[in-house]
Amino acid sequence: MLIRMNFAIRSNDGYPRVYIIDEPQPLHKFISKSQNQHQSSLQCKILLRGCQQPVFIMCDVYSQTNPPELSHRYLVPRNFDPTNFEAFPIISLPPTNDVFAYTLKNYHIYNVPKKKRKHFLISKLRSKIIWECQLDSLMQEDDRILRSKVEYLYNHNNCDGKVYLGFTAYIRNPDTNTMELYADTIFSQPIYDIRNSILLDPCIGNDMGGSEHLLRLNTVKPYVPELRIKLYDKNGWEAYAYDIRIDEKGFHFKIPPFPGKWHDVDENCMVYVEIIGLEISSMKRAIKFLYKRRFGLQSWQNDLGTFLEDSV
């Protein structure tokens, strides 16, 4: 496994003080209230090299890594209270002469409602400064500067649609009674990428239709009074999925037969899937889907198609 250590401050022997050894698995969706579905849980293992005093590691969610930029989303424990929760987890690690491992687990990414995102980001940044400086509150001028910074970030947002976990190590300075940086922020691999926010599973089916497929959601179960799923190709063919049902994973549906034109050498044909009636901007674009031709294939090709469908 490749250990990401580019961002860590190096000690005298050239090795990073904190690094990630087990990357978190990518998320299919965030949560918007207290939930404990396993599929939205995060787990990440970090190592701390020996330090003669306690180390405090701040864990948070970032929208980009270069330069680092905090996300409006929150890293929260399972079964958290949406009306009262900490701005970010703080891991307290004891003094050690050896290497100390810690696993962050059973955490989720809380997706703040859109109209509240700016407010939550301001609140998070304020909490970060107060914790680092060990203050009771911010001075009025400091708070004004902070708000101006957030306004600027919202007006000049160049994020690439990815989400990362970040871990920043601190030690307490007894002379100033403040938190002093021990190691720069290290970042996980992207745990979410908006380009992969729509996952069609499986993305292949046979031309006779009838197979069941799942469109995974990156949000909680939506209320959709009139939902249709259209399949179409570039030659004018279109039809609609049937037996649609919705659960916490997303949209389950069955595909219609594909009577489109096949060339003699074609074994599959690309079509597109479009969701109609869903007000989620990231799901309004068409999704590619592959119809596999059954008639005329060799026996091993039929077996392969069956294997692909049964194994997902």
Protein backbone atom coordinates (compact mmCIF):
# COMPACT_ATOMS: atom_id res chain seq x y z
CA MET A 1 0.00 0.00 0.00
CA LEU A 2 1.22 3.46 -0.87
CA ILE A 3 1.50 5.56 2.29
CA ARG A 4 0.59 9.19 1.77
CA MET A 5 3.14 11.24 3.66
CA ASN A 6 3.78 14.24 1.42
CA PHE A 7 2.21 16.72 3.78
CA ALA A 8 3.73 15.60 7.08
CA ILE A 9 6.51 17.53 8.80
CA ARG A 10 9.55 15.28 8.89
CA SER A 11 11.56 14.62 12.01
CA ASN A 12 15.35 14.67 12.17
CA ASP A 13 15.68 11.15 10.70
CA GLY A 14 13.58 12.09 7.65
CA TYR A 15 10.46 10.09 8.51
CA PRO A 16 7.00 11.64 8.97
CA ARG A 17 5.61 11.95 12.46
CA VAL A 18 2.07 10.99 11.48
CA TYR A 19 0.89 9.00 8.48
CA ILE A 20 -2.01 6.92 7.20
CA ILE A 21 -1.57 3.17 6.81
CA ASP A 22 -5.17 2.06 6.10
CA GLU A 23 -7.08 4.33 3.74
CA PRO A 24 -10.84 4.82 4.25
CA GLN A 25 -13.12 3.21 1.70
CA PRO A 26 -14.94 5.57 -0.69
CA LEU A 27 -18.45 6.63 0.31
CA HIS A 28 -21.52 6.14 -1.85
CA LYS A 29 -23.42 8.81 0.02
CA PHE A 30 -23.41 11.21 2.96
CA ILE A 31 -25.99 11.42 5.72
CA SER A 32 -28.23 14.35 6.55
CA LYS A 33 -29.44 13.24 9.98
CA SER A 34 -28.44 10.77 12.67
CA GLN A 35 -28.23 7.36 11.01
CA ASN A 36 -26.21 4.22 11.50
CA GLN A 37 -26.33 2.52 8.12
CA HIS A 38 -23.11 0.57 7.73
CA GLN A 39 -22.62 1.59 4.11
CA SER A 40 -22.02 5.22 5.09
CA SER A 41 -19.46 4.50 7.84
CA LEU A 42 -15.80 5.47 7.61
CA GLN A 43 -12.73 3.74 9.02
CA CYS A 44 -9.14 4.95 8.77
CA LYS A 45 -5.96 3.85 10.58
CA ILE A 46 -3.12 6.26 11.35
CA LEU A 47 0.32 5.85 12.95
CA LEU A 48 2.05 8.28 15.30
CA ARG A 49 5.81 8.12 15.78
CA GLY A 50 7.21 8.48 19.30
CA CYS A 51 6.63 11.75 21.15
CA GLN A 52 7.55 12.59 24.76
CA GLN A 53 4.28 14.38 25.43
CA PRO A 54 0.62 13.85 24.53
CA VAL A 55 -0.32 14.47 20.91
CA PHE A 56 -3.74 15.77 19.86
CA ILE A 57 -4.88 14.96 16.33
CA MET A 58 -7.66 17.03 14.80
CA CYS A 59 -9.74 15.08 12.28
CA ASP A 60 -11.78 16.93 9.70
CA VAL A 61 -13.27 16.95 6.21
CA TYR A 62 -11.58 18.86 3.37
CA SER A 63 -12.85 19.89 -0.05
CA GLN A 64 -9.32 20.20 -1.48
CA THR A 65 -5.74 19.52 -0.40
CA ASN A 66 -3.59 22.02 -2.28
CA PRO A 67 -4.02 24.46 -0.72
CA PRO A 68 -5.92 22.76 2.12
CA GLU A 69 -9.51 23.95 2.35
CA LEU A 70 -11.98 22.81 5.00
CA SER A 71 -15.33 21.51 3.82
CA HIS A 72 -18.70 22.65 5.14
CA ARG A 73 -19.39 18.96 5.80
CA TYR A 74 -18.76 17.51 9.25
CA LEU A 75 -17.13 14.31 10.47
CA VAL A 76 -19.54 12.94 13.07
CA PRO A 77 -19.83 9.74 15.15
CA ARG A 78 -22.55 7.19 14.66
CA ASN A 79 -25.90 8.18 16.18
CA PHE A 80 -24.86 11.80 16.64
CA ASP A 81 -27.38 14.49 17.56
CA PRO A 82 -27.88 16.83 14.53
CA THR A 83 -28.84 19.66 16.88
CA ASN A 84 -25.78 19.39 19.12
CA PHE A 85 -22.45 17.92 18.02
CA GLU A 86 -18.73 18.72 18.06
CA ALA A 87 -17.19 20.67 15.17
CA PHE A 88 -14.49 18.01 14.70
CA PRO A 89 -13.17 14.93 16.54
CA ILE A 90 -9.95 15.33 18.57
CA ILE A 91 -7.88 12.18 19.10
CA SER A 92 -5.75 12.31 22.25
CA LEU A 93 -2.72 10.01 22.02
CA PRO A 94 -0.47 9.31 25.05
CA PRO A 95 3.32 9.94 25.19
CA THR A 96 5.27 7.05 23.69
CA ASN A 97 8.80 6.12 22.65
CA ASP A 98 7.47 3.71 20.07
CA VAL A 99 4.97 3.84 17.19
CA PHE A 100 1.34 4.21 18.24
CA ALA A 101 -1.55 3.08 16.00
CA TYR A 102 -5.06 4.49 16.16
CA THR A 103 -8.12 3.50 14.15
CA LEU A 104 -10.83 6.07 13.55
CA LYS A 105 -14.03 4.10 12.98
CA ASN A 106 -17.82 4.33 12.99
CA TYR A 107 -17.80 7.90 11.70
CA HIS A 108 -19.95 9.46 9.00
CA ILE A 109 -19.90 12.56 6.83
CA TYR A 110 -22.77 14.85 7.76
CA ASN A 111 -24.01 16.71 4.69
CA VAL A 112 -25.20 20.10 5.96
CA PRO A 113 -28.38 21.51 4.34
CA LYS A 114 -27.47 23.85 1.49
CA LYS A 115 -28.98 26.98 3.02
CA LYS A 116 -26.95 26.43 6.22
CA ARG A 117 -23.56 25.56 4.71
CA LYS A 118 -21.98 28.99 4.99
CA HIS A 119 -23.08 29.30 8.61
CA PHE A 120 -21.72 25.85 9.48
CA LEU A 121 -18.37 26.53 7.80
CA ILE A 122 -18.00 29.78 9.75
CA SER A 123 -18.85 27.92 12.95
CA LYS A 124 -16.31 25.19 12.20
CA LEU A 125 -13.48 27.64 11.43
CA ARG A 126 -14.33 29.64 14.55
CA SER A 127 -14.18 26.48 16.69
CA LYS A 128 -10.83 25.54 15.14
CA ILE A 129 -9.23 28.91 16.00
CA ILE A 130 -10.68 28.87 19.52
CA TRP A 131 -9.33 25.35 20.12
CA GLU A 132 -5.86 26.07 18.70
CA CYS A 133 -5.49 29.28 20.72
CA GLN A 134 -7.32 27.89 23.77
CA LEU A 135 -9.70 30.86 23.85
CA ASP A 136 -13.19 31.27 25.23
CA SER A 137 -14.37 33.20 22.17
CA LEU A 138 -13.10 35.29 19.24
CA MET A 139 -12.63 39.04 19.31
CA GLN A 140 -15.18 40.92 17.21
CA GLU A 141 -12.58 41.97 14.60
CA ASP A 142 -11.25 38.41 14.29
CA ASP A 143 -14.77 37.15 13.76
CA ARG A 144 -15.37 39.76 11.04
CA ILE A 145 -12.18 38.67 9.23
CA LEU A 146 -13.26 35.05 9.48
CA ARG A 147 -16.64 35.80 7.93
CA SER A 148 -14.99 37.75 5.10
CA LYS A 149 -12.73 34.77 4.41
CA VAL A 150 -15.69 32.41 4.13
CA GLU A 151 -17.48 34.82 1.78
CA TYR A 152 -14.38 34.88 -0.41
CA LEU A 153 -14.14 31.08 -0.45
CA TYR A 154 -17.76 30.79 -1.55
CA ASN A 155 -17.25 33.31 -4.36
CA HIS A 156 -13.98 31.74 -5.57
CA ASN A 157 -14.71 28.06 -5.13
CA ASN A 158 -12.42 26.06 -7.41
CA CYS A 159 -12.83 22.70 -5.66
CA ASP A 160 -12.74 19.62 -7.90
CA GLY A 161 -15.78 17.93 -6.35
CA LYS A 162 -13.76 15.57 -4.18
CA VAL A 163 -13.83 15.08 -0.41
CA TYR A 164 -10.89 14.06 1.77
CA LEU A 165 -10.22 13.24 5.41
CA GLY A 166 -7.46 15.32 6.99
CA PHE A 167 -5.47 14.67 10.19
CA THR A 168 -3.47 17.48 11.84
CA ALA A 169 -1.24 16.75 14.87
CA TYR A 170 -0.72 19.23 17.72
CA ILE A 171 1.10 19.34 21.05
CA ARG A 172 0.38 21.73 23.91
CA ASN A 173 2.90 24.51 24.50
CA PRO A 174 3.06 24.93 28.30
CA ASP A 175 4.61 28.40 28.03
CA THR A 176 1.79 29.92 25.98
CA ASN A 177 -0.93 27.41 26.89
CA THR A 178 -1.82 27.07 23.21
CA MET A 179 -1.84 24.17 20.75
CA GLU A 180 1.34 24.07 18.67
CA LEU A 181 1.56 22.33 15.30
CA TYR A 182 3.41 19.01 15.60
CA ALA A 183 2.87 17.75 12.05
CA ASP A 184 1.22 19.26 8.98
CA THR A 185 -2.11 17.91 7.83
CA ILE A 186 -1.97 14.54 6.09
CA PHE A 187 -4.80 13.67 3.71
CA SER A 188 -6.53 10.46 2.81
CA GLN A 189 -7.31 9.40 -0.71
CA PRO A 190 -10.59 10.97 -1.91
CA ILE A 191 -13.44 9.36 0.00
CA TYR A 192 -15.97 10.90 -2.36
CA ASP A 193 -15.83 12.13 -5.94
CA ILE A 194 -18.87 13.82 -7.45
CA ARG A 195 -17.96 12.29 -10.82
CA ASN A 196 -18.63 8.87 -9.25
CA SER A 197 -21.62 9.96 -7.19
CA ILE A 198 -23.97 8.10 -9.50
CA LEU A 199 -23.12 4.42 -9.50
CA LEU A 200 -25.11 2.02 -11.67
CA ASP A 201 -24.77 -1.54 -10.41
CA PRO A 202 -24.48 -3.52 -12.59
CA CYS A 203 -23.99 -1.30 -15.63
CA ILE A 204 -24.54 -4.13 -18.13
CA GLY A 205 -27.62 -6.20 -19.01
CA ASN A 206 -28.82 -8.52 -21.77
CA ASP A 207 -30.99 -7.34 -24.65
CA MET A 208 -33.96 -9.46 -23.53
CA GLY A 209 -34.40 -7.17 -20.52
CA GLY A 210 -35.81 -8.07 -17.13
CA SER A 211 -32.60 -7.90 -15.09
CA GLU A 212 -32.59 -5.79 -11.92
CA HIS A 213 -30.21 -2.86 -11.45
CA LEU A 214 -29.42 -0.31 -8.76
CA LEU A 215 -28.72 3.40 -9.05
CA ARG A 216 -26.90 4.28 -5.85
CA LEU A 217 -27.63 7.63 -4.22
CA ASN A 218 -25.14 10.02 -2.61
CA THR A 219 -27.94 11.54 -0.53
CA VAL A 220 -30.56 10.14 1.78
CA LYS A 221 -33.74 8.62 0.42
CA PRO A 222 -35.60 11.35 -1.49
CA TYR A 223 -39.33 11.85 -1.71
CA VAL A 224 -40.14 11.31 -5.37
CA PRO A 225 -43.90 11.32 -6.10
CA GLU A 226 -43.55 10.73 -9.86
CA LEU A 227 -40.27 9.11 -10.86
CA ARG A 228 -39.45 7.59 -14.23
CA ILE A 229 -36.22 6.05 -15.48
CA LYS A 230 -35.74 6.37 -19.23
CA LEU A 231 -33.32 4.38 -21.37
CA TYR A 232 -32.49 5.63 -24.86
CA ASP A 233 -29.88 5.48 -27.61
CA LYS A 234 -28.61 7.87 -30.27
CA ASN A 235 -30.75 6.28 -33.00
CA GLY A 236 -34.08 7.37 -31.53
CA TRP A 237 -34.96 4.29 -29.45
CA GLU A 238 -36.30 4.90 -25.96
CA ALA A 239 -38.12 2.89 -23.31
CA TYR A 240 -38.75 3.07 -19.60
CA ALA A 241 -37.63 0.92 -16.69
CA TYR A 242 -40.26 -0.84 -14.60
CA ASP A 243 -40.72 -2.30 -11.09
CA ILE A 244 -39.04 0.77 -9.60
CA ARG A 245 -38.60 0.83 -5.83
CA ILE A 246 -36.57 3.06 -3.52
CA ASP A 247 -34.68 2.23 -0.33
CA GLU A 248 -31.68 3.60 1.57
CA LYS A 249 -29.31 2.29 -1.12
CA GLY A 250 -30.98 4.06 -4.05
CA PHE A 251 -33.28 3.19 -6.96
CA HIS A 252 -33.89 -0.46 -7.85
CA PHE A 253 -35.41 -1.09 -11.27
CA LYS A 254 -35.69 -3.61 -14.10
CA ILE A 255 -34.61 -2.83 -17.64
CA PRO A 256 -36.86 -3.12 -20.71
CA PRO A 257 -35.89 -5.27 -23.72
CA PHE A 258 -33.66 -3.61 -26.29
CA PRO A 259 -34.98 -4.11 -29.86
CA GLY A 260 -32.48 -1.69 -31.38
CA LYS A 261 -30.45 -2.26 -34.52
CA TRP A 262 -27.44 -4.55 -34.25
CA HIS A 263 -24.61 -4.84 -36.73
CA ASP A 264 -23.39 -8.36 -37.47
CA VAL A 265 -20.17 -7.86 -35.52
CA ASP A 266 -21.75 -6.11 -32.53
CA GLU A 267 -21.80 -7.93 -29.21
CA ASN A 268 -23.05 -4.98 -27.15
CA CYS A 269 -24.64 -1.59 -27.60
CA MET A 270 -24.23 1.58 -25.55
CA VAL A 271 -27.40 3.33 -24.36
CA TYR A 272 -28.10 5.98 -21.74
CA VAL A 273 -30.11 6.04 -18.52
CA GLU A 274 -31.85 9.22 -17.43
CA ILE A 275 -33.81 9.86 -14.23
CA ILE A 276 -36.91 11.98 -14.76
CA GLY A 277 -38.61 13.76 -11.88
CA LEU A 278 -35.70 13.90 -9.42
CA GLU A 279 -34.55 17.34 -8.23
CA ILE A 280 -30.93 16.42 -7.48
CA SER A 281 -28.57 18.27 -9.79
CA SER A 282 -25.80 15.65 -9.69
CA MET A 283 -28.25 13.00 -10.98
CA LYS A 284 -29.67 14.94 -13.92
CA ARG A 285 -26.98 13.89 -16.36
CA ALA A 286 -27.32 10.73 -18.43
CA ILE A 287 -25.56 7.56 -17.28
CA LYS A 288 -24.02 5.08 -19.68
CA PHE A 289 -25.44 1.55 -19.78
CA LEU A 290 -24.42 -1.43 -21.90
CA TYR A 291 -26.89 -3.86 -23.47
CA LYS A 292 -25.20 -7.17 -24.20
CA ARG A 293 -26.35 -9.18 -27.21
CA ARG A 294 -27.46 -12.73 -26.45
CA PHE A 295 -28.35 -14.06 -29.88
CA GLY A 296 -25.42 -15.39 -31.89
CA LEU A 297 -22.83 -15.38 -29.10
CA GLN A 298 -20.54 -18.30 -28.46
CA SER A 299 -21.33 -20.43 -25.41
CA TRP A 300 -18.36 -19.07 -23.47
CA GLN A 301 -19.55 -15.52 -24.17
CA ASN A 302 -23.02 -16.33 -22.83
CA ASP A 303 -21.44 -17.84 -19.74
CA LEU A 304 -19.31 -14.72 -19.27
CA GLY A 305 -22.35 -12.46 -19.53
CA THR A 306 -24.19 -14.56 -16.95
CA PHE A 307 -21.15 -14.46 -14.67
CA LEU A 308 -20.89 -10.68 -14.91
CA GLU A 309 -24.55 -10.23 -14.03
CA ASP A 310 -24.55 -12.78 -11.19
CA SER A 311 -21.32 -11.56 -9.60
CA VAL A 312 -22.35 -7.93 -8.92
